[in-house]
């Protein structure tokens, strides 16, 4: 395959990186769509949403943002940065468990490790929110949400591309939403657009 050239003023390495994210083989429960990318954080950016659907119901949501600064960024320790957000409702009793934030962070670390996605300079937070209804809302009972926000600098090349990081992100969304991991040997397929063609 011929090397990509700059497209609409975007560096070829950024164009290639975006293609790798879009072509990642995510679990079938994760439906992705492009999002408007942030414009002030880095010279080049790409963003996509990811919603976890089971039996027609959305049970989790998130987004993935790719930032690129060809000049490098000392805080990133590199020229690329991935930023993610994942959120889903959890059992209200689970939300009160003091170890849940630590467990939530371990889900990200384990997802990246399982996909062979190397990285440096990870940073993030895990938040649990519990809501209790009173008065007219008392019948709603208790609800709770788990929210993970994280960023890391991907190390890719030598046979491991950004697709591994996107696939780890998809796995994280499913874990946060409460889905069990795929059985060993079960393969996922590249995402397809509405007409059945692979998304590019």
N, C-alpha and C. Protein backbone atom coordinates (compact mmCIF):
# COMPACT_ATOMS: atom_id res chain seq x y z
N UNK A 1 0.85 -1.18 0.00
CA UNK A 1 0.00 0.00 0.00
C UNK A 1 0.89 1.24 0.00
N UNK A 2 0.54 2.19 -0.86
CA UNK A 2 1.33 3.40 -0.95
C UNK A 2 1.13 4.25 0.29
N UNK A 3 2.19 4.94 0.67
CA UNK A 3 2.10 5.80 1.85
C UNK A 3 1.12 6.93 1.58
N UNK A 4 0.35 7.32 2.58
CA UNK A 4 -0.58 8.42 2.43
C UNK A 4 0.20 9.74 2.43
N UNK A 5 -0.35 10.70 1.74
CA UNK A 5 0.24 12.03 1.73
C UNK A 5 -0.64 12.95 2.56
N UNK A 6 -0.24 14.20 2.71
CA UNK A 6 -1.04 15.13 3.48
C UNK A 6 -2.39 15.32 2.82
N UNK A 7 -3.44 15.35 3.63
CA UNK A 7 -4.81 15.48 3.16
C UNK A 7 -5.43 16.69 3.83
N UNK A 8 -5.86 17.67 3.01
CA UNK A 8 -6.46 18.89 3.55
C UNK A 8 -5.56 19.53 4.60
N UNK A 9 -4.25 19.50 4.36
CA UNK A 9 -3.32 20.11 5.29
C UNK A 9 -2.97 19.27 6.48
N UNK A 10 -3.51 18.06 6.57
CA UNK A 10 -3.21 17.19 7.70
C UNK A 10 -1.99 16.34 7.40
N UNK A 11 -1.08 16.19 8.35
CA UNK A 11 0.12 15.37 8.12
C UNK A 11 -0.27 13.92 7.83
N UNK A 12 0.52 13.26 7.00
CA UNK A 12 0.22 11.89 6.61
C UNK A 12 0.16 10.96 7.80
N UNK A 13 1.02 11.19 8.82
CA UNK A 13 1.00 10.30 9.99
C UNK A 13 -0.31 10.43 10.76
N UNK A 14 -0.89 11.64 10.75
CA UNK A 14 -2.18 11.82 11.42
C UNK A 14 -3.29 11.16 10.61
N UNK A 15 -3.26 11.32 9.30
CA UNK A 15 -4.26 10.68 8.43
C UNK A 15 -4.22 9.17 8.62
N UNK A 16 -3.03 8.59 8.66
CA UNK A 16 -2.89 7.15 8.87
C UNK A 16 -3.42 6.74 10.25
N UNK A 17 -3.13 7.55 11.26
CA UNK A 17 -3.57 7.22 12.62
C UNK A 17 -5.09 7.22 12.71
N UNK A 18 -5.74 8.20 12.10
CA UNK A 18 -7.20 8.25 12.11
C UNK A 18 -7.78 7.04 11.39
N UNK A 19 -7.18 6.66 10.27
CA UNK A 19 -7.67 5.48 9.53
C UNK A 19 -7.57 4.23 10.39
N UNK A 20 -6.50 4.11 11.16
CA UNK A 20 -6.35 2.94 12.03
C UNK A 20 -7.44 2.90 13.10
N UNK A 21 -7.78 4.06 13.67
CA UNK A 21 -8.84 4.10 14.67
C UNK A 21 -10.19 3.72 14.05
N UNK A 22 -10.47 4.28 12.88
CA UNK A 22 -11.77 4.02 12.24
C UNK A 22 -11.91 2.58 11.77
N UNK A 23 -10.81 1.94 11.45
CA UNK A 23 -10.85 0.56 10.95
C UNK A 23 -10.72 -0.49 12.04
N UNK A 24 -10.65 -0.06 13.29
CA UNK A 24 -10.47 -1.01 14.38
C UNK A 24 -11.66 -1.97 14.46
N UNK A 25 -11.37 -3.22 14.83
CA UNK A 25 -12.39 -4.26 14.95
C UNK A 25 -12.96 -4.24 16.37
N UNK A 26 -14.04 -3.50 16.55
CA UNK A 26 -14.66 -3.39 17.86
C UNK A 26 -15.73 -4.46 18.03
N UNK A 27 -16.12 -4.71 19.27
CA UNK A 27 -17.19 -5.65 19.54
C UNK A 27 -18.48 -5.18 18.87
N UNK A 28 -19.34 -6.11 18.45
CA UNK A 28 -20.55 -5.70 17.71
C UNK A 28 -21.51 -4.86 18.53
N UNK A 29 -21.41 -4.91 19.85
CA UNK A 29 -22.30 -4.11 20.69
C UNK A 29 -21.95 -2.62 20.66
N UNK A 30 -20.73 -2.27 20.18
CA UNK A 30 -20.26 -0.89 20.21
C UNK A 30 -20.53 -0.23 18.85
N UNK A 31 -21.37 0.78 18.87
CA UNK A 31 -21.71 1.53 17.66
C UNK A 31 -21.02 2.89 17.71
N UNK A 32 -20.24 3.20 16.68
CA UNK A 32 -19.44 4.42 16.68
C UNK A 32 -19.89 5.39 15.60
N UNK A 33 -19.72 6.66 15.90
CA UNK A 33 -19.98 7.74 14.95
C UNK A 33 -18.94 8.83 15.15
N UNK A 34 -18.52 9.50 14.06
CA UNK A 34 -17.59 10.62 14.21
C UNK A 34 -18.23 11.76 15.01
N UNK A 35 -17.41 12.50 15.73
CA UNK A 35 -17.85 13.66 16.49
C UNK A 35 -17.02 14.88 16.09
N UNK A 36 -17.54 16.08 16.28
CA UNK A 36 -16.69 17.26 16.09
C UNK A 36 -15.51 17.18 17.05
N UNK A 37 -14.33 17.38 16.53
CA UNK A 37 -13.12 17.25 17.34
C UNK A 37 -12.79 18.57 18.04
N UNK A 38 -12.19 18.51 19.23
CA UNK A 38 -11.76 19.75 19.90
C UNK A 38 -10.70 20.45 19.05
N UNK A 39 -10.73 21.77 19.04
CA UNK A 39 -9.85 22.51 18.14
C UNK A 39 -8.71 23.25 18.84
N UNK A 40 -8.80 23.40 20.13
CA UNK A 40 -7.81 24.24 20.82
C UNK A 40 -6.78 23.46 21.61
N UNK A 41 -6.95 22.14 21.70
CA UNK A 41 -6.04 21.36 22.53
C UNK A 41 -4.76 20.99 21.78
N UNK A 42 -4.90 20.73 20.47
CA UNK A 42 -3.76 20.30 19.66
C UNK A 42 -3.98 20.77 18.23
N UNK A 43 -2.91 20.86 17.44
CA UNK A 43 -3.07 21.30 16.05
C UNK A 43 -4.00 20.40 15.23
N UNK A 44 -4.01 19.10 15.52
CA UNK A 44 -4.84 18.16 14.78
C UNK A 44 -5.57 17.27 15.77
N UNK A 45 -6.84 16.99 15.48
CA UNK A 45 -7.63 16.17 16.39
C UNK A 45 -8.72 15.43 15.63
N UNK A 46 -9.06 14.28 16.14
CA UNK A 46 -10.16 13.46 15.61
C UNK A 46 -10.93 12.91 16.81
N UNK A 47 -12.26 12.82 16.69
CA UNK A 47 -13.06 12.31 17.80
C UNK A 47 -14.17 11.41 17.29
N UNK A 48 -14.52 10.42 18.09
CA UNK A 48 -15.64 9.55 17.77
C UNK A 48 -16.36 9.15 19.06
N UNK A 49 -17.66 8.93 18.91
CA UNK A 49 -18.45 8.44 20.04
C UNK A 49 -18.53 6.93 19.97
N UNK A 50 -18.87 6.31 21.10
CA UNK A 50 -19.10 4.88 21.13
C UNK A 50 -20.24 4.59 22.09
N UNK A 51 -21.30 3.98 21.59
CA UNK A 51 -22.44 3.63 22.43
C UNK A 51 -22.59 2.11 22.44
N UNK A 52 -22.79 1.56 23.63
CA UNK A 52 -22.95 0.12 23.79
C UNK A 52 -24.44 -0.20 23.78
N UNK A 53 -24.86 -1.02 22.81
CA UNK A 53 -26.27 -1.38 22.66
C UNK A 53 -26.44 -2.88 22.82
N UNK A 54 -27.46 -3.25 23.58
CA UNK A 54 -27.85 -4.65 23.74
C UNK A 54 -29.37 -4.72 23.62
N UNK A 55 -29.86 -5.54 22.70
CA UNK A 55 -31.30 -5.70 22.48
C UNK A 55 -31.99 -4.36 22.25
N UNK A 56 -31.32 -3.49 21.49
CA UNK A 56 -31.89 -2.20 21.16
C UNK A 56 -31.82 -1.15 22.26
N UNK A 57 -31.21 -1.46 23.37
CA UNK A 57 -31.11 -0.53 24.49
C UNK A 57 -29.67 -0.08 24.69
N UNK A 58 -29.50 1.22 24.86
CA UNK A 58 -28.16 1.75 25.14
C UNK A 58 -27.85 1.56 26.61
N UNK A 59 -26.75 0.86 26.89
CA UNK A 59 -26.40 0.58 28.28
C UNK A 59 -25.07 1.21 28.69
N UNK A 60 -24.40 1.87 27.77
CA UNK A 60 -23.14 2.53 28.09
C UNK A 60 -22.77 3.48 26.97
N UNK A 61 -21.96 4.46 27.27
CA UNK A 61 -21.56 5.42 26.25
C UNK A 61 -20.15 5.92 26.53
N UNK A 62 -19.54 6.49 25.51
CA UNK A 62 -18.20 7.03 25.69
C UNK A 62 -17.73 7.75 24.44
N UNK A 63 -16.52 8.24 24.51
CA UNK A 63 -15.93 8.86 23.32
C UNK A 63 -14.42 8.65 23.36
N UNK A 64 -13.83 8.75 22.20
CA UNK A 64 -12.38 8.60 22.05
C UNK A 64 -11.87 9.75 21.20
N UNK A 65 -10.86 10.44 21.68
CA UNK A 65 -10.29 11.59 20.97
C UNK A 65 -8.81 11.32 20.71
N UNK A 66 -8.39 11.55 19.48
CA UNK A 66 -6.98 11.46 19.11
C UNK A 66 -6.45 12.86 18.89
N UNK A 67 -5.39 13.21 19.61
CA UNK A 67 -4.73 14.50 19.46
C UNK A 67 -3.36 14.29 18.84
N UNK A 68 -2.94 15.25 18.01
CA UNK A 68 -1.62 15.15 17.39
C UNK A 68 -0.96 16.52 17.32
N UNK A 69 0.25 16.57 17.84
CA UNK A 69 1.08 17.78 17.75
C UNK A 69 2.42 17.36 17.16
N UNK A 70 2.65 17.65 15.88
CA UNK A 70 3.91 17.21 15.24
C UNK A 70 5.16 17.71 15.95
N UNK A 71 5.04 18.82 16.68
CA UNK A 71 6.19 19.38 17.38
C UNK A 71 6.46 18.65 18.70
N UNK A 72 5.53 17.78 19.10
CA UNK A 72 5.69 17.07 20.36
C UNK A 72 5.14 17.87 21.52
N UNK A 73 4.89 17.18 22.60
CA UNK A 73 4.35 17.81 23.80
C UNK A 73 5.03 17.16 25.00
N UNK A 74 5.70 17.97 25.81
CA UNK A 74 6.46 17.42 26.93
C UNK A 74 5.57 16.64 27.90
N UNK A 75 4.37 17.15 28.14
CA UNK A 75 3.47 16.47 29.07
C UNK A 75 3.01 15.12 28.51
N UNK A 76 2.85 15.03 27.19
CA UNK A 76 2.45 13.77 26.56
C UNK A 76 3.61 12.78 26.48
N UNK A 77 4.82 13.30 26.39
CA UNK A 77 6.00 12.48 26.11
C UNK A 77 5.89 11.85 24.72
N UNK A 78 5.37 12.61 23.78
CA UNK A 78 5.22 12.12 22.42
C UNK A 78 4.47 13.12 21.57
N UNK A 79 4.09 12.71 20.38
CA UNK A 79 3.38 13.59 19.45
C UNK A 79 1.90 13.25 19.32
N UNK A 80 1.47 12.11 19.86
CA UNK A 80 0.07 11.71 19.83
C UNK A 80 -0.44 11.55 21.27
N UNK A 81 -1.73 11.76 21.45
CA UNK A 81 -2.36 11.55 22.75
C UNK A 81 -3.78 11.04 22.53
N UNK A 82 -4.16 10.03 23.27
CA UNK A 82 -5.53 9.52 23.25
C UNK A 82 -6.24 9.95 24.52
N UNK A 83 -7.46 10.41 24.37
CA UNK A 83 -8.28 10.85 25.50
C UNK A 83 -9.60 10.10 25.43
N UNK A 84 -10.02 9.51 26.53
CA UNK A 84 -11.25 8.73 26.52
C UNK A 84 -12.16 9.08 27.67
N UNK A 85 -13.42 8.77 27.45
CA UNK A 85 -14.46 8.96 28.44
C UNK A 85 -15.39 7.76 28.32
N UNK A 86 -15.76 7.16 29.43
CA UNK A 86 -16.67 6.01 29.41
C UNK A 86 -17.62 6.14 30.60
N UNK A 87 -18.91 5.88 30.36
CA UNK A 87 -19.89 6.03 31.43
C UNK A 87 -21.00 5.00 31.27
N UNK A 88 -21.47 4.48 32.40
CA UNK A 88 -22.60 3.55 32.39
C UNK A 88 -23.23 3.53 33.76
N UNK A 89 -24.49 3.14 33.81
CA UNK A 89 -25.15 2.97 35.10
C UNK A 89 -24.65 1.68 35.75
N UNK A 90 -24.53 1.72 37.07
CA UNK A 90 -24.10 0.55 37.83
C UNK A 90 -25.07 0.35 38.98
N UNK A 91 -25.00 -0.80 39.60
CA UNK A 91 -25.82 -1.08 40.76
C UNK A 91 -25.51 -0.07 41.87
N UNK A 92 -26.55 0.45 42.51
CA UNK A 92 -26.35 1.48 43.53
C UNK A 92 -25.46 0.99 44.67
N UNK A 93 -25.60 -0.26 45.05
CA UNK A 93 -24.74 -0.79 46.12
C UNK A 93 -23.29 -0.86 45.66
N UNK A 94 -23.09 -1.22 44.39
CA UNK A 94 -21.73 -1.28 43.87
C UNK A 94 -21.08 0.09 43.92
N UNK A 95 -21.86 1.14 43.64
CA UNK A 95 -21.30 2.50 43.61
C UNK A 95 -20.79 2.93 44.98
N UNK A 96 -21.32 2.34 46.04
CA UNK A 96 -20.88 2.72 47.38
C UNK A 96 -19.63 1.95 47.83
N UNK A 97 -19.17 1.03 47.01
CA UNK A 97 -17.98 0.25 47.35
C UNK A 97 -16.74 1.15 47.19
N UNK A 98 -15.95 1.37 48.22
CA UNK A 98 -14.81 2.29 48.12
C UNK A 98 -13.73 1.83 47.16
N UNK A 99 -13.71 0.55 46.78
CA UNK A 99 -12.67 0.08 45.86
C UNK A 99 -13.10 0.19 44.40
N UNK A 100 -14.35 0.59 44.13
CA UNK A 100 -14.83 0.63 42.75
C UNK A 100 -13.99 1.55 41.86
N UNK A 101 -13.61 2.76 42.30
CA UNK A 101 -12.76 3.58 41.43
C UNK A 101 -11.46 2.89 41.03
N UNK A 102 -10.82 2.22 41.98
CA UNK A 102 -9.58 1.50 41.66
C UNK A 102 -9.85 0.37 40.68
N UNK A 103 -10.96 -0.33 40.87
CA UNK A 103 -11.33 -1.40 39.95
C UNK A 103 -11.60 -0.83 38.56
N UNK A 104 -12.31 0.30 38.52
CA UNK A 104 -12.61 0.93 37.23
C UNK A 104 -11.34 1.29 36.46
N UNK A 105 -10.34 1.81 37.17
CA UNK A 105 -9.07 2.15 36.50
C UNK A 105 -8.37 0.88 36.01
N UNK A 106 -8.47 -0.19 36.80
CA UNK A 106 -7.83 -1.45 36.39
C UNK A 106 -8.46 -2.00 35.11
N UNK A 107 -9.75 -1.71 34.88
CA UNK A 107 -10.39 -2.17 33.65
C UNK A 107 -9.72 -1.56 32.42
N UNK A 108 -9.36 -0.28 32.52
CA UNK A 108 -8.65 0.37 31.40
C UNK A 108 -7.28 -0.25 31.19
N UNK A 109 -6.52 -0.39 32.27
CA UNK A 109 -5.17 -0.94 32.19
C UNK A 109 -5.21 -2.36 31.63
N UNK A 110 -6.17 -3.16 32.09
CA UNK A 110 -6.26 -4.55 31.63
C UNK A 110 -6.70 -4.62 30.17
N UNK A 111 -7.59 -3.71 29.76
CA UNK A 111 -8.04 -3.71 28.37
C UNK A 111 -6.88 -3.38 27.43
N UNK A 112 -6.08 -2.40 27.80
CA UNK A 112 -4.92 -2.05 26.97
C UNK A 112 -3.93 -3.20 26.92
N UNK A 113 -3.68 -3.83 28.07
CA UNK A 113 -2.75 -4.95 28.11
C UNK A 113 -3.23 -6.13 27.29
N UNK A 114 -4.53 -6.42 27.35
CA UNK A 114 -5.07 -7.56 26.62
C UNK A 114 -4.95 -7.38 25.11
N UNK A 115 -4.98 -6.13 24.64
CA UNK A 115 -4.87 -5.86 23.21
C UNK A 115 -3.42 -5.63 22.78
N UNK A 116 -2.49 -5.70 23.73
CA UNK A 116 -1.08 -5.47 23.39
C UNK A 116 -0.78 -4.03 23.05
N UNK A 117 -1.57 -3.11 23.60
CA UNK A 117 -1.41 -1.68 23.31
C UNK A 117 -0.45 -1.05 24.32
N UNK A 118 0.72 -0.64 23.86
CA UNK A 118 1.72 -0.03 24.74
C UNK A 118 1.48 1.47 24.84
N UNK A 119 1.87 2.05 25.97
CA UNK A 119 1.62 3.46 26.19
C UNK A 119 2.53 3.99 27.29
N UNK A 120 2.59 5.32 27.38
CA UNK A 120 3.30 5.99 28.47
C UNK A 120 2.42 7.14 28.97
N UNK A 121 2.81 7.71 30.11
CA UNK A 121 2.19 8.89 30.68
C UNK A 121 0.67 8.78 30.84
N UNK A 122 0.17 7.70 31.45
CA UNK A 122 -1.28 7.61 31.65
C UNK A 122 -1.75 8.57 32.73
N UNK A 123 -2.96 9.05 32.58
CA UNK A 123 -3.54 9.96 33.56
C UNK A 123 -5.06 9.83 33.50
N UNK A 124 -5.73 10.03 34.62
CA UNK A 124 -7.17 9.96 34.56
C UNK A 124 -7.84 9.98 35.90
N UNK A 125 -9.16 9.81 35.88
CA UNK A 125 -9.95 9.80 37.10
C UNK A 125 -11.13 8.86 36.92
N UNK A 126 -11.60 8.33 38.04
CA UNK A 126 -12.79 7.47 38.06
C UNK A 126 -13.75 8.08 39.06
N UNK A 127 -14.98 8.32 38.61
CA UNK A 127 -15.98 8.97 39.44
C UNK A 127 -17.21 8.08 39.57
N UNK A 128 -17.73 7.98 40.78
CA UNK A 128 -19.00 7.30 40.99
C UNK A 128 -19.99 8.31 41.54
N UNK A 129 -21.20 8.25 41.00
CA UNK A 129 -22.26 9.18 41.42
C UNK A 129 -23.49 8.36 41.77
N UNK A 130 -24.02 8.57 42.98
CA UNK A 130 -25.24 7.89 43.41
C UNK A 130 -26.34 8.91 43.61
N UNK A 131 -27.51 8.64 43.04
CA UNK A 131 -28.63 9.55 43.12
C UNK A 131 -29.79 8.88 43.85
N UNK A 132 -30.35 9.58 44.82
CA UNK A 132 -31.47 9.05 45.60
C UNK A 132 -32.68 9.95 45.37
N UNK A 133 -33.81 9.34 45.03
CA UNK A 133 -35.03 10.11 44.81
C UNK A 133 -35.80 10.36 46.09
N UNK A 134 -36.41 11.55 46.20
CA UNK A 134 -37.22 11.90 47.36
C UNK A 134 -38.51 12.56 46.90
N UNK A 135 -39.50 12.56 47.78
CA UNK A 135 -40.78 13.19 47.45
C UNK A 135 -41.40 12.55 46.24
N UNK A 136 -41.72 13.37 45.26
CA UNK A 136 -42.35 12.87 44.04
C UNK A 136 -41.46 11.95 43.23
N UNK A 137 -40.17 11.95 43.50
CA UNK A 137 -39.24 11.10 42.77
C UNK A 137 -38.80 9.89 43.59
N UNK A 138 -39.44 9.71 44.75
CA UNK A 138 -39.02 8.62 45.63
C UNK A 138 -39.19 7.25 44.97
N UNK A 139 -40.25 7.14 44.14
CA UNK A 139 -40.50 5.86 43.47
C UNK A 139 -39.39 5.49 42.49
N UNK A 140 -38.61 6.48 42.06
CA UNK A 140 -37.50 6.20 41.14
C UNK A 140 -36.39 5.41 41.82
N UNK A 141 -36.35 5.45 43.15
CA UNK A 141 -35.35 4.69 43.87
C UNK A 141 -33.95 5.27 43.70
N UNK A 142 -32.96 4.41 43.89
CA UNK A 142 -31.56 4.82 43.79
C UNK A 142 -31.00 4.47 42.42
N UNK A 143 -30.21 5.37 41.87
CA UNK A 143 -29.48 5.10 40.63
C UNK A 143 -28.02 5.50 40.85
N UNK A 144 -27.15 4.92 40.07
CA UNK A 144 -25.73 5.24 40.20
C UNK A 144 -25.04 5.11 38.86
N UNK A 145 -24.01 5.89 38.68
CA UNK A 145 -23.22 5.86 37.45
C UNK A 145 -21.74 5.77 37.78
N UNK A 146 -21.03 5.10 36.90
CA UNK A 146 -19.57 5.04 36.96
C UNK A 146 -19.04 5.76 35.74
N UNK A 147 -18.08 6.64 35.95
CA UNK A 147 -17.51 7.43 34.86
C UNK A 147 -15.99 7.35 34.90
N UNK A 148 -15.40 7.00 33.78
CA UNK A 148 -13.94 6.92 33.68
C UNK A 148 -13.48 7.94 32.65
N UNK A 149 -12.56 8.78 33.05
CA UNK A 149 -11.91 9.74 32.14
C UNK A 149 -10.41 9.44 32.18
N UNK A 150 -9.81 9.30 31.02
CA UNK A 150 -8.39 8.94 31.00
C UNK A 150 -7.73 9.44 29.73
N UNK A 151 -6.43 9.56 29.81
CA UNK A 151 -5.63 9.88 28.62
C UNK A 151 -4.30 9.17 28.74
N UNK A 152 -3.71 8.87 27.59
CA UNK A 152 -2.42 8.21 27.56
C UNK A 152 -1.76 8.47 26.20
N UNK A 153 -0.46 8.31 26.17
CA UNK A 153 0.29 8.48 24.92
C UNK A 153 0.54 7.11 24.33
N UNK A 154 -0.05 6.83 23.17
CA UNK A 154 0.10 5.50 22.57
C UNK A 154 1.49 5.32 21.95
N UNK A 155 2.04 4.15 22.13
CA UNK A 155 3.27 3.75 21.45
C UNK A 155 2.87 2.75 20.39
N UNK A 156 3.06 3.12 19.14
CA UNK A 156 2.62 2.20 18.09
C UNK A 156 3.67 2.12 17.00
N UNK A 157 3.58 1.06 16.24
CA UNK A 157 4.59 0.71 15.26
C UNK A 157 5.07 -0.70 15.54
N UNK A 158 5.94 -1.21 14.71
CA UNK A 158 6.47 -2.56 14.87
C UNK A 158 5.35 -3.60 14.98
N UNK A 159 4.35 -3.45 14.13
CA UNK A 159 3.28 -4.44 14.09
C UNK A 159 2.10 -4.15 14.99
N UNK A 160 2.22 -3.18 15.90
CA UNK A 160 1.10 -2.82 16.76
C UNK A 160 0.70 -1.39 16.44
N UNK A 161 -0.53 -1.21 15.92
CA UNK A 161 -0.98 0.11 15.53
C UNK A 161 -1.97 0.69 16.51
N UNK A 162 -2.54 1.83 16.12
CA UNK A 162 -3.52 2.48 16.97
C UNK A 162 -4.82 1.69 17.06
N UNK A 163 -5.06 0.78 16.13
CA UNK A 163 -6.27 -0.03 16.20
C UNK A 163 -6.34 -0.78 17.52
N UNK A 164 -5.20 -1.23 18.03
CA UNK A 164 -5.19 -1.96 19.30
C UNK A 164 -5.69 -1.08 20.43
N UNK A 165 -5.36 0.20 20.39
CA UNK A 165 -5.82 1.13 21.42
C UNK A 165 -7.32 1.37 21.30
N UNK A 166 -7.82 1.50 20.07
CA UNK A 166 -9.26 1.67 19.87
C UNK A 166 -10.02 0.44 20.31
N UNK A 167 -9.46 -0.74 20.03
CA UNK A 167 -10.13 -1.98 20.44
C UNK A 167 -10.15 -2.11 21.96
N UNK A 168 -9.08 -1.67 22.61
CA UNK A 168 -9.06 -1.67 24.08
C UNK A 168 -10.12 -0.71 24.62
N UNK A 169 -10.27 0.44 23.98
CA UNK A 169 -11.30 1.40 24.38
C UNK A 169 -12.69 0.77 24.24
N UNK A 170 -12.93 0.08 23.13
CA UNK A 170 -14.22 -0.59 22.95
C UNK A 170 -14.47 -1.64 24.02
N UNK A 171 -13.42 -2.39 24.37
CA UNK A 171 -13.55 -3.38 25.44
C UNK A 171 -13.86 -2.71 26.77
N UNK A 172 -13.23 -1.56 27.02
CA UNK A 172 -13.49 -0.82 28.25
C UNK A 172 -14.96 -0.41 28.33
N UNK A 173 -15.50 0.12 27.24
CA UNK A 173 -16.90 0.53 27.22
C UNK A 173 -17.80 -0.64 27.59
N UNK A 174 -17.52 -1.80 27.02
CA UNK A 174 -18.35 -2.98 27.29
C UNK A 174 -18.21 -3.43 28.74
N UNK A 175 -17.01 -3.37 29.29
CA UNK A 175 -16.81 -3.76 30.69
C UNK A 175 -17.55 -2.83 31.63
N UNK A 176 -17.42 -1.52 31.39
CA UNK A 176 -18.11 -0.55 32.23
C UNK A 176 -19.63 -0.75 32.15
N UNK A 177 -20.12 -1.15 30.97
CA UNK A 177 -21.55 -1.37 30.79
C UNK A 177 -22.02 -2.70 31.37
N UNK A 178 -21.07 -3.51 31.86
CA UNK A 178 -21.45 -4.75 32.52
C UNK A 178 -21.48 -5.98 31.64
N UNK A 179 -20.96 -5.88 30.42
CA UNK A 179 -20.94 -7.04 29.54
C UNK A 179 -19.77 -7.95 29.88
N UNK A 180 -19.95 -9.26 29.79
CA UNK A 180 -18.84 -10.18 30.04
C UNK A 180 -17.86 -10.12 28.88
N UNK A 181 -16.60 -10.50 29.10
CA UNK A 181 -15.64 -10.53 27.99
C UNK A 181 -16.04 -11.58 26.97
N UNK A 182 -15.59 -11.37 25.74
CA UNK A 182 -15.85 -12.35 24.70
C UNK A 182 -15.16 -13.67 25.03
N UNK A 183 -15.78 -14.76 24.62
CA UNK A 183 -15.17 -16.07 24.85
C UNK A 183 -13.89 -16.18 24.04
N UNK A 184 -12.89 -16.91 24.54
CA UNK A 184 -11.64 -17.09 23.80
C UNK A 184 -11.91 -17.64 22.40
N UNK A 185 -11.23 -17.07 21.42
CA UNK A 185 -11.38 -17.54 20.05
C UNK A 185 -12.46 -16.83 19.26
N UNK A 186 -13.30 -16.01 19.93
CA UNK A 186 -14.34 -15.27 19.23
C UNK A 186 -13.71 -14.03 18.62
N UNK A 187 -13.89 -13.86 17.32
CA UNK A 187 -13.29 -12.74 16.61
C UNK A 187 -14.31 -11.66 16.37
N UNK A 188 -13.85 -10.41 16.35
CA UNK A 188 -14.70 -9.29 15.98
C UNK A 188 -14.38 -8.88 14.56
N UNK A 189 -15.32 -8.22 13.92
CA UNK A 189 -15.16 -7.81 12.54
C UNK A 189 -15.02 -6.31 12.45
N UNK A 190 -14.34 -5.81 11.39
CA UNK A 190 -14.25 -4.36 11.23
C UNK A 190 -15.64 -3.75 11.15
N UNK A 191 -15.79 -2.54 11.67
CA UNK A 191 -17.07 -1.86 11.63
C UNK A 191 -17.48 -1.58 10.21
N UNK A 192 -18.80 -1.59 9.97
CA UNK A 192 -19.31 -1.33 8.63
C UNK A 192 -20.28 -0.17 8.66
N UNK A 193 -20.32 0.55 7.55
CA UNK A 193 -21.24 1.67 7.42
C UNK A 193 -22.63 1.20 7.07
N UNK A 194 -23.57 2.13 6.90
CA UNK A 194 -24.95 1.79 6.65
C UNK A 194 -25.15 0.96 5.38
N UNK A 195 -24.27 1.11 4.39
CA UNK A 195 -24.44 0.36 3.15
C UNK A 195 -23.74 -0.97 3.18
N UNK A 196 -23.16 -1.35 4.33
CA UNK A 196 -22.51 -2.65 4.44
C UNK A 196 -21.06 -2.63 4.04
N UNK A 197 -20.55 -1.45 3.66
CA UNK A 197 -19.14 -1.36 3.30
C UNK A 197 -18.31 -1.09 4.53
N UNK A 198 -17.05 -1.58 4.56
CA UNK A 198 -16.18 -1.25 5.69
C UNK A 198 -16.02 0.26 5.80
N UNK A 199 -16.06 0.78 7.02
CA UNK A 199 -15.88 2.21 7.24
C UNK A 199 -14.42 2.57 7.07
N UNK A 200 -14.18 3.67 6.42
CA UNK A 200 -12.81 4.16 6.20
C UNK A 200 -12.67 5.56 6.76
